[in-house]
C-alpha atoms as a PDB file:
ATOM      1  CA  MET A   1     -35.886   1.250 -34.329  1.00  0.00           C
ATOM      2  CA  ARG A   2     -39.271   0.913 -36.012  1.00  0.00           C
ATOM      3  CA  PRO A   3     -42.255   2.454 -34.229  1.00  0.00           C
ATOM      4  CA  LEU A   4     -44.098   0.052 -31.950  1.00  0.00           C
ATOM      5  CA  LEU A   5     -47.599  -1.264 -32.624  1.00  0.00           C
ATOM      6  CA  LEU A   6     -49.219  -2.890 -29.617  1.00  0.00           C
ATOM      7  CA  ASP A   7     -51.096  -6.107 -30.088  1.00  0.00           C
ATOM      8  CA  THR A   8     -54.220  -6.127 -27.924  1.00  0.00           C
ATOM      9  CA  CYS A   9     -52.587  -8.361 -25.313  1.00  0.00           C
ATOM     10  CA  ALA A  10     -49.621  -5.980 -25.078  1.00  0.00           C
ATOM     11  CA  ALA A  11     -51.957  -2.999 -24.666  1.00  0.00           C
ATOM     12  CA  ILE A  12     -53.703  -4.785 -21.800  1.00  0.00           C
ATOM     13  CA  TRP A  13     -50.465  -5.724 -20.063  1.00  0.00           C
ATOM     14  CA  LEU A  14     -49.004  -2.256 -20.528  1.00  0.00           C
ATOM     15  CA  ALA A  15     -52.142  -0.499 -19.254  1.00  0.00           C
ATOM     16  CA  GLU A  16     -52.478  -2.884 -16.308  1.00  0.00           C
ATOM     17  CA  ALA A  17     -48.778  -2.519 -15.381  1.00  0.00           C
ATOM     18  CA  THR A  18     -48.018  -6.204 -15.959  1.00  0.00           C
ATOM     19  CA  ILE A  19     -44.351  -7.089 -16.074  1.00  0.00           C
ATOM     20  CA  LEU A  20     -43.081  -7.075 -19.648  1.00  0.00           C
ATOM     21  CA  SER A  21     -39.988  -8.720 -21.101  1.00  0.00           C
ATOM     22  CA  LYS A  22     -36.692  -6.839 -20.919  1.00  0.00           C
ATOM     23  CA  ALA A  23     -36.724  -6.469 -24.704  1.00  0.00           C
ATOM     24  CA  ALA A  24     -40.192  -4.904 -24.576  1.00  0.00           C
ATOM     25  CA  GLU A  25     -39.219  -2.591 -21.714  1.00  0.00           C
ATOM     26  CA  ASP A  26     -36.087  -1.543 -23.617  1.00  0.00           C
ATOM     27  CA  ALA A  27     -38.097  -0.888 -26.805  1.00  0.00           C
ATOM     28  CA  LEU A  28     -40.588   1.251 -24.881  1.00  0.00           C
ATOM     29  CA  ALA A  29     -37.739   3.159 -23.228  1.00  0.00           C
ATOM     30  CA  ILE A  30     -36.125   3.837 -26.610  1.00  0.00           C
ATOM     31  CA  ALA A  31     -39.454   5.011 -28.015  1.00  0.00           C
ATOM     32  CA  ALA A  32     -39.887   7.360 -25.052  1.00  0.00           C
ATOM     33  CA  LYS A  33     -36.323   8.659 -25.372  1.00  0.00           C
ATOM     34  CA  ASN A  34     -36.845   9.312 -29.090  1.00  0.00           C
ATOM     35  CA  ARG A  35     -40.282  10.828 -28.440  1.00  0.00           C
ATOM     36  CA  GLN A  36     -41.902   8.265 -30.719  1.00  0.00           C
ATOM     37  CA  PHE A  37     -45.547   7.396 -30.445  1.00  0.00           C
ATOM     38  CA  VAL A  38     -46.564   3.885 -29.490  1.00  0.00           C
ATOM     39  CA  TYR A  39     -49.417   2.845 -31.779  1.00  0.00           C
ATOM     40  CA  ILE A  40     -52.577   0.874 -31.114  1.00  0.00           C
ATOM     41  CA  SER A  41     -55.079  -0.250 -33.716  1.00  0.00           C
ATOM     42  CA  ALA A  42     -58.773   0.545 -33.399  1.00  0.00           C
ATOM     43  CA  ILE A  43     -59.387  -3.203 -33.795  1.00  0.00           C
ATOM     44  CA  SER A  44     -57.996  -3.589 -30.271  1.00  0.00           C
ATOM     45  CA  SER A  45     -61.004  -1.689 -28.899  1.00  0.00           C
ATOM     46  CA  TRP A  46     -63.274  -4.336 -30.418  1.00  0.00           C
ATOM     47  CA  GLU A  47     -61.127  -7.128 -28.987  1.00  0.00           C
ATOM     48  CA  ILE A  48     -61.201  -5.526 -25.516  1.00  0.00           C
ATOM     49  CA  GLY A  49     -64.988  -5.252 -25.674  1.00  0.00           C
ATOM     50  CA  LEU A  50     -65.283  -8.860 -26.807  1.00  0.00           C
ATOM     51  CA  LEU A  51     -62.999 -10.134 -24.043  1.00  0.00           C
ATOM     52  CA  VAL A  52     -65.003  -8.265 -21.405  1.00  0.00           C
ATOM     53  CA  SER A  53     -68.350  -9.402 -22.846  1.00  0.00           C
ATOM     54  CA  LYS A  54     -67.201 -13.038 -22.696  1.00  0.00           C
ATOM     55  CA  ASN A  55     -65.878 -12.594 -19.125  1.00  0.00           C
ATOM     56  CA  ARG A  56     -62.330 -13.368 -20.285  1.00  0.00           C
ATOM     57  CA  LEU A  57     -61.089  -9.969 -19.093  1.00  0.00           C
ATOM     58  CA  LYS A  58     -62.074  -8.090 -15.956  1.00  0.00           C
ATOM     59  CA  LEU A  59     -61.626  -4.329 -15.931  1.00  0.00           C
ATOM     60  CA  SER A  60     -62.329  -1.895 -13.114  1.00  0.00           C
ATOM     61  CA  VAL A  61     -64.253   0.371 -15.522  1.00  0.00           C
ATOM     62  CA  PRO A  62     -66.358  -0.264 -18.645  1.00  0.00           C
ATOM     63  CA  PRO A  63     -64.260  -1.161 -21.720  1.00  0.00           C
ATOM     64  CA  ASN A  64     -65.005   2.092 -23.563  1.00  0.00           C
ATOM     65  CA  ILE A  65     -63.703   4.159 -20.629  1.00  0.00           C
ATOM     66  CA  TRP A  66     -60.702   1.852 -20.217  1.00  0.00           C
ATOM     67  CA  PHE A  67     -59.801   2.170 -23.908  1.00  0.00           C
ATOM     68  CA  GLU A  68     -60.294   5.960 -23.873  1.00  0.00           C
ATOM     69  CA  ARG A  69     -57.841   6.157 -20.968  1.00  0.00           C
ATOM     70  CA  VAL A  70     -55.293   4.072 -22.860  1.00  0.00           C
ATOM     71  CA  VAL A  71     -55.411   6.257 -25.974  1.00  0.00           C
ATOM     72  CA  ALA A  72     -55.458   9.446 -23.878  1.00  0.00           C
ATOM     73  CA  ASN A  73     -51.823   8.754 -22.997  1.00  0.00           C
ATOM     74  CA  PRO A  74     -49.882  11.476 -24.855  1.00  0.00           C
ATOM     75  CA  ARG A  75     -47.371   8.874 -26.100  1.00  0.00           C
ATOM     76  CA  MET A  76     -50.099   6.633 -27.521  1.00  0.00           C
ATOM     77  CA  GLN A  77     -51.519   7.066 -31.023  1.00  0.00           C
ATOM     78  CA  LEU A  78     -54.722   5.385 -32.188  1.00  0.00           C
ATOM     79  CA  ILE A  79     -54.709   4.001 -35.722  1.00  0.00           C
ATOM     80  CA  ASP A  80     -58.081   3.969 -37.401  1.00  0.00           C
ATOM     81  CA  LEU A  81     -59.037   1.110 -39.676  1.00  0.00           C
ATOM     82  CA  SER A  82     -58.795   1.974 -43.340  1.00  0.00           C
ATOM     83  CA  PHE A  83     -60.304   0.001 -46.177  1.00  0.00           C
ATOM     84  CA  ARG A  84     -56.776  -0.450 -47.556  1.00  0.00           C
ATOM     85  CA  THR A  85     -55.592  -2.111 -44.355  1.00  0.00           C
ATOM     86  CA  LEU A  86     -58.689  -4.277 -44.119  1.00  0.00           C
ATOM     87  CA  ILE A  87     -58.264  -5.470 -47.712  1.00  0.00           C
ATOM     88  CA  ALA A  88     -54.516  -5.998 -47.207  1.00  0.00           C
ATOM     89  CA  ALA A  89     -55.361  -8.209 -44.217  1.00  0.00           C
ATOM     90  CA  SER A  90     -57.048 -10.560 -46.707  1.00  0.00           C
ATOM     91  CA  PHE A  91     -53.906 -10.883 -48.850  1.00  0.00           C
ATOM     92  CA  LEU A  92     -51.073 -11.345 -46.352  1.00  0.00           C
ATOM     93  CA  PRO A  93     -48.145 -13.425 -47.619  1.00  0.00           C
ATOM     94  CA  GLY A  94     -47.018 -16.722 -46.189  1.00  0.00           C
ATOM     95  CA  ALA A  95     -49.038 -18.394 -43.453  1.00  0.00           C
ATOM     96  CA  PRO A  96     -50.664 -15.440 -41.683  1.00  0.00           C
ATOM     97  CA  PRO A  97     -52.691 -15.711 -38.487  1.00  0.00           C
ATOM     98  CA  ARG A  98     -56.243 -16.941 -38.963  1.00  0.00           C
ATOM     99  CA  ASP A  99     -57.642 -14.622 -36.278  1.00  0.00           C
ATOM    100  CA  PRO A 100     -59.064 -11.551 -38.089  1.00  0.00           C
ATOM    101  CA  PRO A 101     -57.829  -8.955 -35.539  1.00  0.00           C
ATOM    102  CA  ASP A 102     -54.315 -10.435 -35.692  1.00  0.00           C
ATOM    103  CA  ARG A 103     -54.445 -10.280 -39.488  1.00  0.00           C
ATOM    104  CA  ILE A 104     -55.471  -6.610 -39.271  1.00  0.00           C
ATOM    105  CA  ILE A 105     -52.648  -5.876 -36.831  1.00  0.00           C
ATOM    106  CA  ALA A 106     -50.162  -7.665 -39.115  1.00  0.00           C
ATOM    107  CA  ALA A 107     -51.437  -5.736 -42.151  1.00  0.00           C
ATOM    108  CA  THR A 108     -51.204  -2.463 -40.213  1.00  0.00           C
ATOM    109  CA  ALA A 109     -47.612  -3.239 -39.242  1.00  0.00           C
ATOM    110  CA  ARG A 110     -46.673  -4.144 -42.811  1.00  0.00           C
ATOM    111  CA  GLU A 111     -48.297  -1.057 -44.345  1.00  0.00           C
ATOM    112  CA  ASN A 112     -46.781   1.383 -41.856  1.00  0.00           C
ATOM    113  CA  GLY A 113     -43.421  -0.218 -41.056  1.00  0.00           C
ATOM    114  CA  TYR A 114     -44.286  -0.904 -37.413  1.00  0.00           C
ATOM    115  CA  CYS A 115     -42.828  -3.505 -35.080  1.00  0.00           C
ATOM    116  CA  ILE A 116     -45.578  -5.468 -33.318  1.00  0.00           C
ATOM    117  CA  MET A 117     -45.247  -5.902 -29.561  1.00  0.00           C
ATOM    118  CA  THR A 118     -47.003  -9.148 -28.651  1.00  0.00           C
ATOM    119  CA  ARG A 119     -46.956 -12.425 -26.763  1.00  0.00           C
ATOM    120  CA  ASP A 120     -49.113 -14.082 -29.403  1.00  0.00           C
ATOM    121  CA  LYS A 121     -47.148 -17.124 -30.588  1.00  0.00           C
ATOM    122  CA  ILE A 122     -48.753 -17.068 -34.023  1.00  0.00           C
ATOM    123  CA  LEU A 123     -47.833 -13.423 -34.641  1.00  0.00           C
ATOM    124  CA  LEU A 124     -44.317 -14.086 -33.330  1.00  0.00           C
ATOM    125  CA  LYS A 125     -44.000 -17.046 -35.713  1.00  0.00           C
ATOM    126  CA  TYR A 126     -45.259 -14.865 -38.574  1.00  0.00           C
ATOM    127  CA  ALA A 127     -42.496 -12.405 -37.696  1.00  0.00           C
ATOM    128  CA  GLN A 128     -39.945 -15.213 -37.463  1.00  0.00           C
ATOM    129  CA  ASP A 129     -40.956 -16.190 -40.989  1.00  0.00           C
ATOM    130  CA  GLY A 130     -39.981 -12.658 -42.087  1.00  0.00           C
ATOM    131  CA  HIS A 131     -43.386 -11.180 -42.882  1.00  0.00           C
ATOM    132  CA  VAL A 132     -43.499  -8.567 -40.086  1.00  0.00           C
ATOM    133  CA  GLN A 133     -41.240  -7.383 -37.328  1.00  0.00           C
ATOM    134  CA  ALA A 134     -42.236  -8.261 -33.790  1.00  0.00           C
ATOM    135  CA  ILE A 135     -40.911  -8.127 -30.279  1.00  0.00           C
ATOM    136  CA  ALA A 136     -42.067 -10.501 -27.577  1.00  0.00           C
ATOM    137  CA  CYS A 137     -43.452  -8.788 -24.547  1.00  0.00           C
END
């Protein structure tokens, strides 16, 4: 199984103990059994901050503390943004998502061979079209 890359929505649901799909739970269990990291892009920190600033997400602590707690999990690995990934996000094949963070997550998955865990219909469609691998959470 490819390593998992959490879309921002998946990171929120995982951190907030929201019920995930059986496929997502199984993928996380396999990753844990195989001692694989679960990855999260640094762009998700920006998205979390934006959601909180627009009152679309309520957290019990400020977003920087919340995100630090998420990446402090020993099974979680933060992926920094590289110029290569950011440029690759501009040249994705097919009909990629228009949302810049989703493009960055798709480019990160493509460059590193990750499987995106998401509920985002556009990213799932992009995976269905064969451009990335994704699992619905």
